[in-house]
mmCIF file of all heavy atoms, coordinates in Angstrom:
data_MODEL
# 
_entry.id   MODEL 
# 
loop_
_atom_site.group_PDB 
_atom_site.id 
_atom_site.type_symbol 
_atom_site.label_atom_id 
_atom_site.label_alt_id 
_atom_site.label_comp_id 
_atom_site.label_asym_id 
_atom_site.label_entity_id 
_atom_site.label_seq_id 
_atom_site.pdbx_PDB_ins_code 
_atom_site.Cartn_x 
_atom_site.Cartn_y 
_atom_site.Cartn_z 
_atom_site.occupancy 
_atom_site.B_iso_or_equiv 
_atom_site.pdbx_formal_charge 
_atom_site.auth_seq_id 
_atom_site.auth_comp_id 
_atom_site.auth_asym_id 
_atom_site.auth_atom_id 
_atom_site.pdbx_PDB_model_num 
ATOM 1   N N   . VAL A 1 1  ? -13.369 114.062 -57.825 1.00 0.00 ? 1  VAL A N   1 
ATOM 2   C CA  . VAL A 1 1  ? -12.936 115.440 -58.041 1.00 0.00 ? 1  VAL A CA  1 
ATOM 3   C C   . VAL A 1 1  ? -11.741 115.720 -57.139 1.00 0.00 ? 1  VAL A C   1 
ATOM 4   O O   . VAL A 1 1  ? -11.779 115.444 -55.929 1.00 0.00 ? 1  VAL A O   1 
ATOM 5   C CB  . VAL A 1 1  ? -14.074 116.437 -57.744 1.00 0.00 ? 1  VAL A CB  1 
ATOM 6   C CG1 . VAL A 1 1  ? -13.660 117.845 -58.139 1.00 0.00 ? 1  VAL A CG1 1 
ATOM 7   C CG2 . VAL A 1 1  ? -15.351 116.029 -58.476 1.00 0.00 ? 1  VAL A CG2 1 
ATOM 8   N N   . PHE A 1 2  ? -10.686 116.258 -57.711 1.00 0.00 ? 2  PHE A N   1 
ATOM 9   C CA  . PHE A 1 2  ? -9.496  116.582 -56.936 1.00 0.00 ? 2  PHE A CA  1 
ATOM 10  C C   . PHE A 1 2  ? -8.916  117.902 -57.429 1.00 0.00 ? 2  PHE A C   1 
ATOM 11  O O   . PHE A 1 2  ? -9.251  118.392 -58.516 1.00 0.00 ? 2  PHE A O   1 
ATOM 12  C CB  . PHE A 1 2  ? -8.448  115.467 -57.028 1.00 0.00 ? 2  PHE A CB  1 
ATOM 13  C CG  . PHE A 1 2  ? -8.162  115.005 -58.433 1.00 0.00 ? 2  PHE A CG  1 
ATOM 14  C CD1 . PHE A 1 2  ? -7.197  115.623 -59.209 1.00 0.00 ? 2  PHE A CD1 1 
ATOM 15  C CD2 . PHE A 1 2  ? -8.882  113.945 -58.986 1.00 0.00 ? 2  PHE A CD2 1 
ATOM 16  C CE1 . PHE A 1 2  ? -6.942  115.205 -60.495 1.00 0.00 ? 2  PHE A CE1 1 
ATOM 17  C CE2 . PHE A 1 2  ? -8.627  113.513 -60.281 1.00 0.00 ? 2  PHE A CE2 1 
ATOM 18  C CZ  . PHE A 1 2  ? -7.656  114.153 -61.046 1.00 0.00 ? 2  PHE A CZ  1 
ATOM 19  N N   . VAL A 1 3  ? -8.051  118.474 -56.587 1.00 0.00 ? 3  VAL A N   1 
ATOM 20  C CA  . VAL A 1 3  ? -7.433  119.764 -56.889 1.00 0.00 ? 3  VAL A CA  1 
ATOM 21  C C   . VAL A 1 3  ? -6.072  119.533 -57.523 1.00 0.00 ? 3  VAL A C   1 
ATOM 22  O O   . VAL A 1 3  ? -5.382  118.559 -57.209 1.00 0.00 ? 3  VAL A O   1 
ATOM 23  C CB  . VAL A 1 3  ? -7.315  120.606 -55.600 1.00 0.00 ? 3  VAL A CB  1 
ATOM 24  C CG1 . VAL A 1 3  ? -6.618  121.945 -55.870 1.00 0.00 ? 3  VAL A CG1 1 
ATOM 25  C CG2 . VAL A 1 3  ? -8.690  120.843 -54.999 1.00 0.00 ? 3  VAL A CG2 1 
ATOM 26  N N   . GLU A 1 4  ? -5.710  120.425 -58.392 1.00 0.00 ? 4  GLU A N   1 
ATOM 27  C CA  . GLU A 1 4  ? -4.397  120.358 -59.033 1.00 0.00 ? 4  GLU A CA  1 
ATOM 28  C C   . GLU A 1 4  ? -3.295  120.258 -57.972 1.00 0.00 ? 4  GLU A C   1 
ATOM 29  O O   . GLU A 1 4  ? -3.332  120.963 -56.964 1.00 0.00 ? 4  GLU A O   1 
ATOM 30  C CB  . GLU A 1 4  ? -4.190  121.603 -59.895 1.00 0.00 ? 4  GLU A CB  1 
ATOM 31  C CG  . GLU A 1 4  ? -2.857  121.649 -60.617 1.00 0.00 ? 4  GLU A CG  1 
ATOM 32  C CD  . GLU A 1 4  ? -2.671  122.935 -61.390 1.00 0.00 ? 4  GLU A CD  1 
ATOM 33  O OE1 . GLU A 1 4  ? -3.479  123.869 -61.210 1.00 0.00 ? 4  GLU A OE1 1 
ATOM 34  O OE2 . GLU A 1 4  ? -1.705  123.019 -62.176 1.00 0.00 ? 4  GLU A OE2 1 
ATOM 35  N N   . ASN A 1 5  ? -2.352  119.382 -58.201 1.00 0.00 ? 5  ASN A N   1 
ATOM 36  C CA  . ASN A 1 5  ? -1.213  119.156 -57.307 1.00 0.00 ? 5  ASN A CA  1 
ATOM 37  C C   . ASN A 1 5  ? -1.602  118.496 -55.990 1.00 0.00 ? 5  ASN A C   1 
ATOM 38  O O   . ASN A 1 5  ? -0.843  118.551 -55.017 1.00 0.00 ? 5  ASN A O   1 
ATOM 39  C CB  . ASN A 1 5  ? -0.454  120.459 -57.016 1.00 0.00 ? 5  ASN A CB  1 
ATOM 40  C CG  . ASN A 1 5  ? 0.146   121.061 -58.275 1.00 0.00 ? 5  ASN A CG  1 
ATOM 41  O OD1 . ASN A 1 5  ? 0.573   120.338 -59.176 1.00 0.00 ? 5  ASN A OD1 1 
ATOM 42  N ND2 . ASN A 1 5  ? 0.181   122.387 -58.343 1.00 0.00 ? 5  ASN A ND2 1 
ATOM 43  N N   . ASP A 1 6  ? -2.789  117.885 -55.935 1.00 0.00 ? 6  ASP A N   1 
ATOM 44  C CA  . ASP A 1 6  ? -3.152  117.096 -54.754 1.00 0.00 ? 6  ASP A CA  1 
ATOM 45  C C   . ASP A 1 6  ? -2.216  115.896 -54.627 1.00 0.00 ? 6  ASP A C   1 
ATOM 46  O O   . ASP A 1 6  ? -1.650  115.418 -55.616 1.00 0.00 ? 6  ASP A O   1 
ATOM 47  C CB  . ASP A 1 6  ? -4.596  116.595 -54.863 1.00 0.00 ? 6  ASP A CB  1 
ATOM 48  C CG  . ASP A 1 6  ? -5.558  117.479 -54.100 1.00 0.00 ? 6  ASP A CG  1 
ATOM 49  O OD1 . ASP A 1 6  ? -5.099  118.438 -53.474 1.00 0.00 ? 6  ASP A OD1 1 
ATOM 50  O OD2 . ASP A 1 6  ? -6.767  117.214 -54.147 1.00 0.00 ? 6  ASP A OD2 1 
ATOM 51  N N   . ALA A 1 7  ? -2.082  115.395 -53.400 1.00 0.00 ? 7  ALA A N   1 
ATOM 52  C CA  . ALA A 1 7  ? -1.235  114.220 -53.182 1.00 0.00 ? 7  ALA A CA  1 
ATOM 53  C C   . ALA A 1 7  ? -1.838  112.984 -53.855 1.00 0.00 ? 7  ALA A C   1 
ATOM 54  O O   . ALA A 1 7  ? -1.115  112.115 -54.332 1.00 0.00 ? 7  ALA A O   1 
ATOM 55  C CB  . ALA A 1 7  ? -1.040  113.969 -51.689 1.00 0.00 ? 7  ALA A CB  1 
ATOM 56  N N   . VAL A 1 8  ? -3.166  112.896 -53.873 1.00 0.00 ? 8  VAL A N   1 
ATOM 57  C CA  . VAL A 1 8  ? -3.852  111.757 -54.490 1.00 0.00 ? 8  VAL A CA  1 
ATOM 58  C C   . VAL A 1 8  ? -4.576  112.269 -55.732 1.00 0.00 ? 8  VAL A C   1 
ATOM 59  O O   . VAL A 1 8  ? -5.534  113.033 -55.629 1.00 0.00 ? 8  VAL A O   1 
ATOM 60  C CB  . VAL A 1 8  ? -4.847  111.105 -53.521 1.00 0.00 ? 8  VAL A CB  1 
ATOM 61  C CG1 . VAL A 1 8  ? -5.559  109.944 -54.191 1.00 0.00 ? 8  VAL A CG1 1 
ATOM 62  C CG2 . VAL A 1 8  ? -4.134  110.637 -52.265 1.00 0.00 ? 8  VAL A CG2 1 
ATOM 63  N N   . THR A 1 9  ? -4.101  111.875 -56.893 1.00 0.00 ? 9  THR A N   1 
ATOM 64  C CA  . THR A 1 9  ? -4.716  112.308 -58.137 1.00 0.00 ? 9  THR A CA  1 
ATOM 65  C C   . THR A 1 9  ? -4.803  111.125 -59.098 1.00 0.00 ? 9  THR A C   1 
ATOM 66  O O   . THR A 1 9  ? -4.343  110.024 -58.797 1.00 0.00 ? 9  THR A O   1 
ATOM 67  C CB  . THR A 1 9  ? -3.910  113.441 -58.796 1.00 0.00 ? 9  THR A CB  1 
ATOM 68  O OG1 . THR A 1 9  ? -2.580  112.960 -59.086 1.00 0.00 ? 9  THR A OG1 1 
ATOM 69  C CG2 . THR A 1 9  ? -3.833  114.658 -57.895 1.00 0.00 ? 9  THR A CG2 1 
ATOM 70  N N   . ALA A 1 10 ? -5.395  111.374 -60.247 1.00 0.00 ? 10 ALA A N   1 
ATOM 71  C CA  . ALA A 1 10 ? -5.474  110.383 -61.321 1.00 0.00 ? 10 ALA A CA  1 
ATOM 72  C C   . ALA A 1 10 ? -5.381  111.146 -62.631 1.00 0.00 ? 10 ALA A C   1 
ATOM 73  O O   . ALA A 1 10 ? -5.356  112.387 -62.653 1.00 0.00 ? 10 ALA A O   1 
ATOM 74  C CB  . ALA A 1 10 ? -6.768  109.591 -61.222 1.00 0.00 ? 10 ALA A CB  1 
ATOM 75  N N   . GLU A 1 11 ? -5.325  110.406 -63.715 1.00 0.00 ? 11 GLU A N   1 
ATOM 76  C CA  . GLU A 1 11 ? -5.310  111.051 -65.027 1.00 0.00 ? 11 GLU A CA  1 
ATOM 77  C C   . GLU A 1 11 ? -6.671  111.710 -65.248 1.00 0.00 ? 11 GLU A C   1 
ATOM 78  O O   . GLU A 1 11 ? -7.696  111.027 -65.344 1.00 0.00 ? 11 GLU A O   1 
ATOM 79  C CB  . GLU A 1 11 ? -5.036  110.019 -66.112 1.00 0.00 ? 11 GLU A CB  1 
ATOM 80  C CG  . GLU A 1 11 ? -4.792  110.627 -67.480 1.00 0.00 ? 11 GLU A CG  1 
ATOM 81  C CD  . GLU A 1 11 ? -3.429  111.297 -67.576 1.00 0.00 ? 11 GLU A CD  1 
ATOM 82  O OE1 . GLU A 1 11 ? -2.530  110.945 -66.799 1.00 0.00 ? 11 GLU A OE1 1 
ATOM 83  O OE2 . GLU A 1 11 ? -3.283  112.157 -68.457 1.00 0.00 ? 11 GLU A OE2 1 
ATOM 84  N N   . PRO A 1 12 ? -6.741  113.060 -65.309 1.00 0.00 ? 12 PRO A N   1 
ATOM 85  C CA  . PRO A 1 12 ? -8.052  113.723 -65.400 1.00 0.00 ? 12 PRO A CA  1 
ATOM 86  C C   . PRO A 1 12 ? -8.691  113.541 -66.764 1.00 0.00 ? 12 PRO A C   1 
ATOM 87  O O   . PRO A 1 12 ? -8.016  113.438 -67.792 1.00 0.00 ? 12 PRO A O   1 
ATOM 88  C CB  . PRO A 1 12 ? -7.714  115.198 -65.137 1.00 0.00 ? 12 PRO A CB  1 
ATOM 89  C CG  . PRO A 1 12 ? -6.295  115.341 -65.564 1.00 0.00 ? 12 PRO A CG  1 
ATOM 90  C CD  . PRO A 1 12 ? -5.637  114.032 -65.250 1.00 0.00 ? 12 PRO A CD  1 
ATOM 91  N N   . GLN A 1 13 ? -9.995  113.494 -66.765 1.00 0.00 ? 13 GLN A N   1 
ATOM 92  C CA  . GLN A 1 13 ? -10.782 113.457 -68.001 1.00 0.00 ? 13 GLN A CA  1 
ATOM 93  C C   . GLN A 1 13 ? -11.385 114.815 -68.318 1.00 0.00 ? 13 GLN A C   1 
ATOM 94  O O   . GLN A 1 13 ? -11.900 115.016 -69.423 1.00 0.00 ? 13 GLN A O   1 
ATOM 95  C CB  . GLN A 1 13 ? -11.890 112.411 -67.887 1.00 0.00 ? 13 GLN A CB  1 
ATOM 96  C CG  . GLN A 1 13 ? -11.366 110.990 -67.790 1.00 0.00 ? 13 GLN A CG  1 
ATOM 97  C CD  . GLN A 1 13 ? -12.480 110.005 -67.518 1.00 0.00 ? 13 GLN A CD  1 
ATOM 98  O OE1 . GLN A 1 13 ? -13.139 110.068 -66.479 1.00 0.00 ? 13 GLN A OE1 1 
ATOM 99  N NE2 . GLN A 1 13 ? -12.708 109.082 -68.445 1.00 0.00 ? 13 GLN A NE2 1 
ATOM 100 N N   . ALA A 1 14 ? -11.352 115.740 -67.342 1.00 0.00 ? 14 ALA A N   1 
ATOM 101 C CA  . ALA A 1 14 ? -11.883 117.085 -67.565 1.00 0.00 ? 14 ALA A CA  1 
ATOM 102 C C   . ALA A 1 14 ? -11.197 118.043 -66.591 1.00 0.00 ? 14 ALA A C   1 
ATOM 103 O O   . ALA A 1 14 ? -10.750 117.650 -65.507 1.00 0.00 ? 14 ALA A O   1 
ATOM 104 C CB  . ALA A 1 14 ? -13.393 117.119 -67.371 1.00 0.00 ? 14 ALA A CB  1 
ATOM 105 N N   . TYR A 1 15 ? -11.142 119.297 -67.028 1.00 0.00 ? 15 TYR A N   1 
ATOM 106 C CA  . TYR A 1 15 ? -10.560 120.357 -66.202 1.00 0.00 ? 15 TYR A CA  1 
ATOM 107 C C   . TYR A 1 15 ? -11.616 121.417 -65.916 1.00 0.00 ? 15 TYR A C   1 
ATOM 108 O O   . TYR A 1 15 ? -12.451 121.733 -66.778 1.00 0.00 ? 15 TYR A O   1 
ATOM 109 C CB  . TYR A 1 15 ? -9.388  121.026 -66.918 1.00 0.00 ? 15 TYR A CB  1 
ATOM 110 C CG  . TYR A 1 15 ? -8.186  120.140 -67.149 1.00 0.00 ? 15 TYR A CG  1 
ATOM 111 C CD1 . TYR A 1 15 ? -7.891  119.663 -68.418 1.00 0.00 ? 15 TYR A CD1 1 
ATOM 112 C CD2 . TYR A 1 15 ? -7.343  119.798 -66.099 1.00 0.00 ? 15 TYR A CD2 1 
ATOM 113 C CE1 . TYR A 1 15 ? -6.785  118.852 -68.640 1.00 0.00 ? 15 TYR A CE1 1 
ATOM 114 C CE2 . TYR A 1 15 ? -6.231  118.990 -66.306 1.00 0.00 ? 15 TYR A CE2 1 
ATOM 115 C CZ  . TYR A 1 15 ? -5.962  118.521 -67.577 1.00 0.00 ? 15 TYR A CZ  1 
ATOM 116 O OH  . TYR A 1 15 ? -4.873  117.720 -67.785 1.00 0.00 ? 15 TYR A OH  1 
ATOM 117 N N   . VAL A 1 16 ? -11.546 121.987 -64.702 1.00 0.00 ? 16 VAL A N   1 
ATOM 118 C CA  . VAL A 1 16 ? -12.364 123.139 -64.335 1.00 0.00 ? 16 VAL A CA  1 
ATOM 119 C C   . VAL A 1 16 ? -11.411 124.241 -63.894 1.00 0.00 ? 16 VAL A C   1 
ATOM 120 O O   . VAL A 1 16 ? -10.580 124.032 -63.010 1.00 0.00 ? 16 VAL A O   1 
ATOM 121 C CB  . VAL A 1 16 ? -13.368 122.801 -63.210 1.00 0.00 ? 16 VAL A CB  1 
ATOM 122 C CG1 . VAL A 1 16 ? -14.135 124.047 -62.794 1.00 0.00 ? 16 VAL A CG1 1 
ATOM 123 C CG2 . VAL A 1 16 ? -14.324 121.711 -63.653 1.00 0.00 ? 16 VAL A CG2 1 
ATOM 124 N N   . GLU A 1 17 ? -11.548 125.416 -64.522 1.00 0.00 ? 17 GLU A N   1 
ATOM 125 C CA  . GLU A 1 17 ? -10.669 126.538 -64.204 1.00 0.00 ? 17 GLU A CA  1 
ATOM 126 C C   . GLU A 1 17 ? -11.512 127.768 -63.909 1.00 0.00 ? 17 GLU A C   1 
ATOM 127 O O   . GLU A 1 17 ? -12.609 127.942 -64.458 1.00 0.00 ? 17 GLU A O   1 
ATOM 128 C CB  . GLU A 1 17 ? -9.715  126.824 -65.365 1.00 0.00 ? 17 GLU A CB  1 
ATOM 129 C CG  . GLU A 1 17 ? -8.776  125.675 -65.691 1.00 0.00 ? 17 GLU A CG  1 
ATOM 130 C CD  . GLU A 1 17 ? -7.857  126.005 -66.847 1.00 0.00 ? 17 GLU A CD  1 
ATOM 131 O OE1 . GLU A 1 17 ? -6.797  126.611 -66.598 1.00 0.00 ? 17 GLU A OE1 1 
ATOM 132 O OE2 . GLU A 1 17 ? -8.199  125.656 -67.993 1.00 0.00 ? 17 GLU A OE2 1 
ATOM 133 N N   . LEU A 1 18 ? -10.965 128.639 -63.043 1.00 0.00 ? 18 LEU A N   1 
ATOM 134 C CA  . LEU A 1 18 ? -11.673 129.853 -62.642 1.00 0.00 ? 18 LEU A CA  1 
ATOM 135 C C   . LEU A 1 18 ? -10.663 130.990 -62.559 1.00 0.00 ? 18 LEU A C   1 
ATOM 136 O O   . LEU A 1 18 ? -9.551  130.820 -62.055 1.00 0.00 ? 18 LEU A O   1 
ATOM 137 C CB  . LEU A 1 18 ? -12.349 129.643 -61.285 1.00 0.00 ? 18 LEU A CB  1 
ATOM 138 C CG  . LEU A 1 18 ? -13.466 130.619 -60.887 1.00 0.00 ? 18 LEU A CG  1 
ATOM 139 C CD1 . LEU A 1 18 ? -14.657 130.461 -61.824 1.00 0.00 ? 18 LEU A CD1 1 
ATOM 140 C CD2 . LEU A 1 18 ? -13.898 130.378 -59.452 1.00 0.00 ? 18 LEU A CD2 1 
ATOM 141 N N   . SER A 1 19 ? -11.075 132.151 -63.062 1.00 0.00 ? 19 SER A N   1 
ATOM 142 C CA  . SER A 1 19 ? -10.251 133.354 -62.982 1.00 0.00 ? 19 SER A CA  1 
ATOM 143 C C   . SER A 1 19 ? -11.047 134.421 -62.239 1.00 0.00 ? 19 SER A C   1 
ATOM 144 O O   . SER A 1 19 ? -12.051 134.936 -62.744 1.00 0.00 ? 19 SER A O   1 
ATOM 145 C CB  . SER A 1 19 ? -9.879  133.844 -64.386 1.00 0.00 ? 19 SER A CB  1 
ATOM 146 O OG  . SER A 1 19 ? -9.114  135.033 -64.323 1.00 0.00 ? 19 SER A OG  1 
ATOM 147 N N   . LEU A 1 20 ? -10.627 134.744 -61.021 1.00 0.00 ? 20 LEU A N   1 
ATOM 148 C CA  . LEU A 1 20 ? -11.370 135.666 -60.142 1.00 0.00 ? 20 LEU A CA  1 
ATOM 149 C C   . LEU A 1 20 ? -10.895 137.103 -60.332 1.00 0.00 ? 20 LEU A C   1 
ATOM 150 O O   . LEU A 1 20 ? -9.703  137.384 -60.270 1.00 0.00 ? 20 LEU A O   1 
ATOM 151 C CB  . LEU A 1 20 ? -11.168 135.274 -58.676 1.00 0.00 ? 20 LEU A CB  1 
ATOM 152 C CG  . LEU A 1 20 ? -12.049 134.190 -58.079 1.00 0.00 ? 20 LEU A CG  1 
ATOM 153 C CD1 . LEU A 1 20 ? -11.616 133.910 -56.649 1.00 0.00 ? 20 LEU A CD1 1 
ATOM 154 C CD2 . LEU A 1 20 ? -13.515 134.579 -58.114 1.00 0.00 ? 20 LEU A CD2 1 
ATOM 155 N N   . SER A 1 21 ? -11.861 138.011 -60.521 1.00 0.00 ? 21 SER A N   1 
ATOM 156 C CA  . SER A 1 21 ? -11.532 139.435 -60.595 1.00 0.00 ? 21 SER A CA  1 
ATOM 157 C C   . SER A 1 21 ? -12.201 140.245 -59.489 1.00 0.00 ? 21 SER A C   1 
ATOM 158 O O   . SER A 1 21 ? -11.743 141.340 -59.161 1.00 0.00 ? 21 SER A O   1 
ATOM 159 C CB  . SER A 1 21 ? -11.921 140.005 -61.962 1.00 0.00 ? 21 SER A CB  1 
ATOM 160 O OG  . SER A 1 21 ? -13.291 139.781 -62.231 1.00 0.00 ? 21 SER A OG  1 
ATOM 161 N N   . ARG A 1 22 ? -13.300 139.731 -58.929 1.00 0.00 ? 22 ARG A N   1 
ATOM 162 C CA  . ARG A 1 22 ? -13.944 140.396 -57.776 1.00 0.00 ? 22 ARG A CA  1 
ATOM 163 C C   . ARG A 1 22 ? -14.456 139.336 -56.828 1.00 0.00 ? 22 ARG A C   1 
ATOM 164 O O   . ARG A 1 22 ? -15.096 138.372 -57.245 1.00 0.00 ? 22 ARG A O   1 
ATOM 165 C CB  . ARG A 1 22 ? -15.078 141.314 -58.221 1.00 0.00 ? 22 ARG A CB  1 
ATOM 166 C CG  . ARG A 1 22 ? -15.859 141.930 -57.048 1.00 0.00 ? 22 ARG A CG  1 
ATOM 167 C CD  . ARG A 1 22 ? -16.801 143.009 -57.533 1.00 0.00 ? 22 ARG A CD  1 
ATOM 168 N NE  . ARG A 1 22 ? -16.069 144.201 -57.970 1.00 0.00 ? 22 ARG A NE  1 
ATOM 169 C CZ  . ARG A 1 22 ? -16.554 145.114 -58.805 1.00 0.00 ? 22 ARG A CZ  1 
ATOM 170 N NH1 . ARG A 1 22 ? -17.762 144.961 -59.314 1.00 0.00 ? 22 ARG A NH1 1 
ATOM 171 N NH2 . ARG A 1 22 ? -15.825 146.157 -59.130 1.00 0.00 ? 22 ARG A NH2 1 
ATOM 172 N N   . PHE A 1 23 ? -14.199 139.545 -55.525 1.00 0.00 ? 23 PHE A N   1 
ATOM 173 C CA  . PHE A 1 23 ? -14.582 138.556 -54.514 1.00 0.00 ? 23 PHE A CA  1 
ATOM 174 C C   . PHE A 1 23 ? -14.731 139.279 -53.180 1.00 0.00 ? 23 PHE A C   1 
ATOM 175 O O   . PHE A 1 23 ? -13.980 139.085 -52.241 1.00 0.00 ? 23 PHE A O   1 
ATOM 176 C CB  . PHE A 1 23 ? -13.501 137.473 -54.432 1.00 0.00 ? 23 PHE A CB  1 
ATOM 177 C CG  . PHE A 1 23 ? -13.952 136.165 -53.821 1.00 0.00 ? 23 PHE A CG  1 
ATOM 178 C CD1 . PHE A 1 23 ? -14.871 135.352 -54.454 1.00 0.00 ? 23 PHE A CD1 1 
ATOM 179 C CD2 . PHE A 1 23 ? -13.436 135.731 -52.613 1.00 0.00 ? 23 PHE A CD2 1 
ATOM 180 C CE1 . PHE A 1 23 ? -15.270 134.157 -53.905 1.00 0.00 ? 23 PHE A CE1 1 
ATOM 181 C CE2 . PHE A 1 23 ? -13.819 134.542 -52.046 1.00 0.00 ? 23 PHE A CE2 1 
ATOM 182 C CZ  . PHE A 1 23 ? -14.748 133.744 -52.699 1.00 0.00 ? 23 PHE A CZ  1 
ATOM 183 N N   . SER A 1 24 ? -15.754 140.148 -53.092 1.00 0.00 ? 24 SER A N   1 
ATOM 184 C CA  . SER A 1 24 ? -15.952 140.969 -51.900 1.00 0.00 ? 24 SER A CA  1 
ATOM 185 C C   . SER A 1 24 ? -17.284 141.702 -52.045 1.00 0.00 ? 24 SER A C   1 
ATOM 186 O O   . SER A 1 24 ? -18.071 141.412 -52.964 1.00 0.00 ? 24 SER A O   1 
ATOM 187 C CB  . SER A 1 24 ? -14.812 141.985 -51.743 1.00 0.00 ? 24 SER A CB  1 
ATOM 188 O OG  . SER A 1 24 ? -14.804 142.897 -52.830 1.00 0.00 ? 24 SER A OG  1 
ATOM 189 N N   . THR A 1 25 ? -17.528 142.648 -51.164 1.00 0.00 ? 25 THR A N   1 
ATOM 190 C CA  . THR A 1 25 ? -18.681 143.531 -51.337 1.00 0.00 ? 25 THR A CA  1 
ATOM 191 C C   . THR A 1 25 ? -18.397 144.480 -52.495 1.00 0.00 ? 25 THR A C   1 
ATOM 192 O O   . THR A 1 25 ? -17.340 145.114 -52.549 1.00 0.00 ? 25 THR A O   1 
ATOM 193 C CB  . THR A 1 25 ? -18.945 144.333 -50.053 1.00 0.00 ? 25 THR A CB  1 
ATOM 194 O OG1 . THR A 1 25 ? -19.290 143.423 -48.997 1.00 0.00 ? 25 THR A OG1 1 
ATOM 195 C CG2 . THR A 1 25 ? -20.091 145.306 -50.248 1.00 0.00 ? 25 THR A CG2 1 
ATOM 196 N N   . GLY A 1 26 ? -19.345 144.574 -53.433 1.00 0.00 ? 26 GLY A N   1 
ATOM 197 C CA  . GLY A 1 26 ? -19.139 145.375 -54.629 1.00 0.00 ? 26 GLY A CA  1 
ATOM 198 C C   . GLY A 1 26 ? -19.685 146.781 -54.509 1.00 0.00 ? 26 GLY A C   1 
ATOM 199 O O   . GLY A 1 26 ? -20.166 147.200 -53.446 1.00 0.00 ? 26 GLY A O   1 
ATOM 200 N N   . PRO A 1 27 ? -19.637 147.543 -55.595 1.00 0.00 ? 27 PRO A N   1 
ATOM 201 C CA  . PRO A 1 27 ? -20.146 148.928 -55.571 1.00 0.00 ? 27 PRO A CA  1 
ATOM 202 C C   . PRO A 1 27 ? -21.620 149.021 -55.220 1.00 0.00 ? 27 PRO A C   1 
ATOM 203 O O   . PRO A 1 27 ? -22.081 150.041 -54.708 1.00 0.00 ? 27 PRO A O   1 
ATOM 204 C CB  . PRO A 1 27 ? -19.884 149.410 -57.008 1.00 0.00 ? 27 PRO A CB  1 
ATOM 205 C CG  . PRO A 1 27 ? -18.815 148.518 -57.538 1.00 0.00 ? 27 PRO A CG  1 
ATOM 206 C CD  . PRO A 1 27 ? -19.030 147.190 -56.877 1.00 0.00 ? 27 PRO A CD  1 
ATOM 207 N N   . SER A 1 28 ? -22.372 147.953 -55.497 1.00 0.00 ? 28 SER A N   1 
ATOM 208 C CA  . SER A 1 28 ? -23.808 147.970 -55.194 1.00 0.00 ? 28 SER A CA  1 
ATOM 209 C C   . SER A 1 28 ? -24.107 147.810 -53.711 1.00 0.00 ? 28 SER A C   1 
ATOM 210 O O   . SER A 1 28 ? -25.255 147.965 -53.292 1.00 0.00 ? 28 SER A O   1 
ATOM 211 C CB  . SER A 1 28 ? -24.503 146.842 -55.965 1.00 0.00 ? 28 SER A CB  1 
ATOM 212 O OG  . SER A 1 28 ? -24.013 145.576 -55.538 1.00 0.00 ? 28 SER A OG  1 
ATOM 213 N N   . GLY A 1 29 ? -23.086 147.457 -52.916 1.00 0.00 ? 29 GLY A N   1 
ATOM 214 C CA  . GLY A 1 29 ? -23.308 147.183 -51.501 1.00 0.00 ? 29 GLY A CA  1 
ATOM 215 C C   . GLY A 1 29 ? -23.627 145.738 -51.225 1.00 0.00 ? 29 GLY A C   1 
ATOM 216 O O   . GLY A 1 29 ? -23.768 145.344 -50.059 1.00 0.00 ? 29 GLY A O   1 
# 
């Protein structure tokens, strides 16, 4: 497993992507 644009990579066979919209304490506390 490696990160996009890492110095050491290979031809990937799968991608994992994430789109963050909230990353903190929420309205619920």
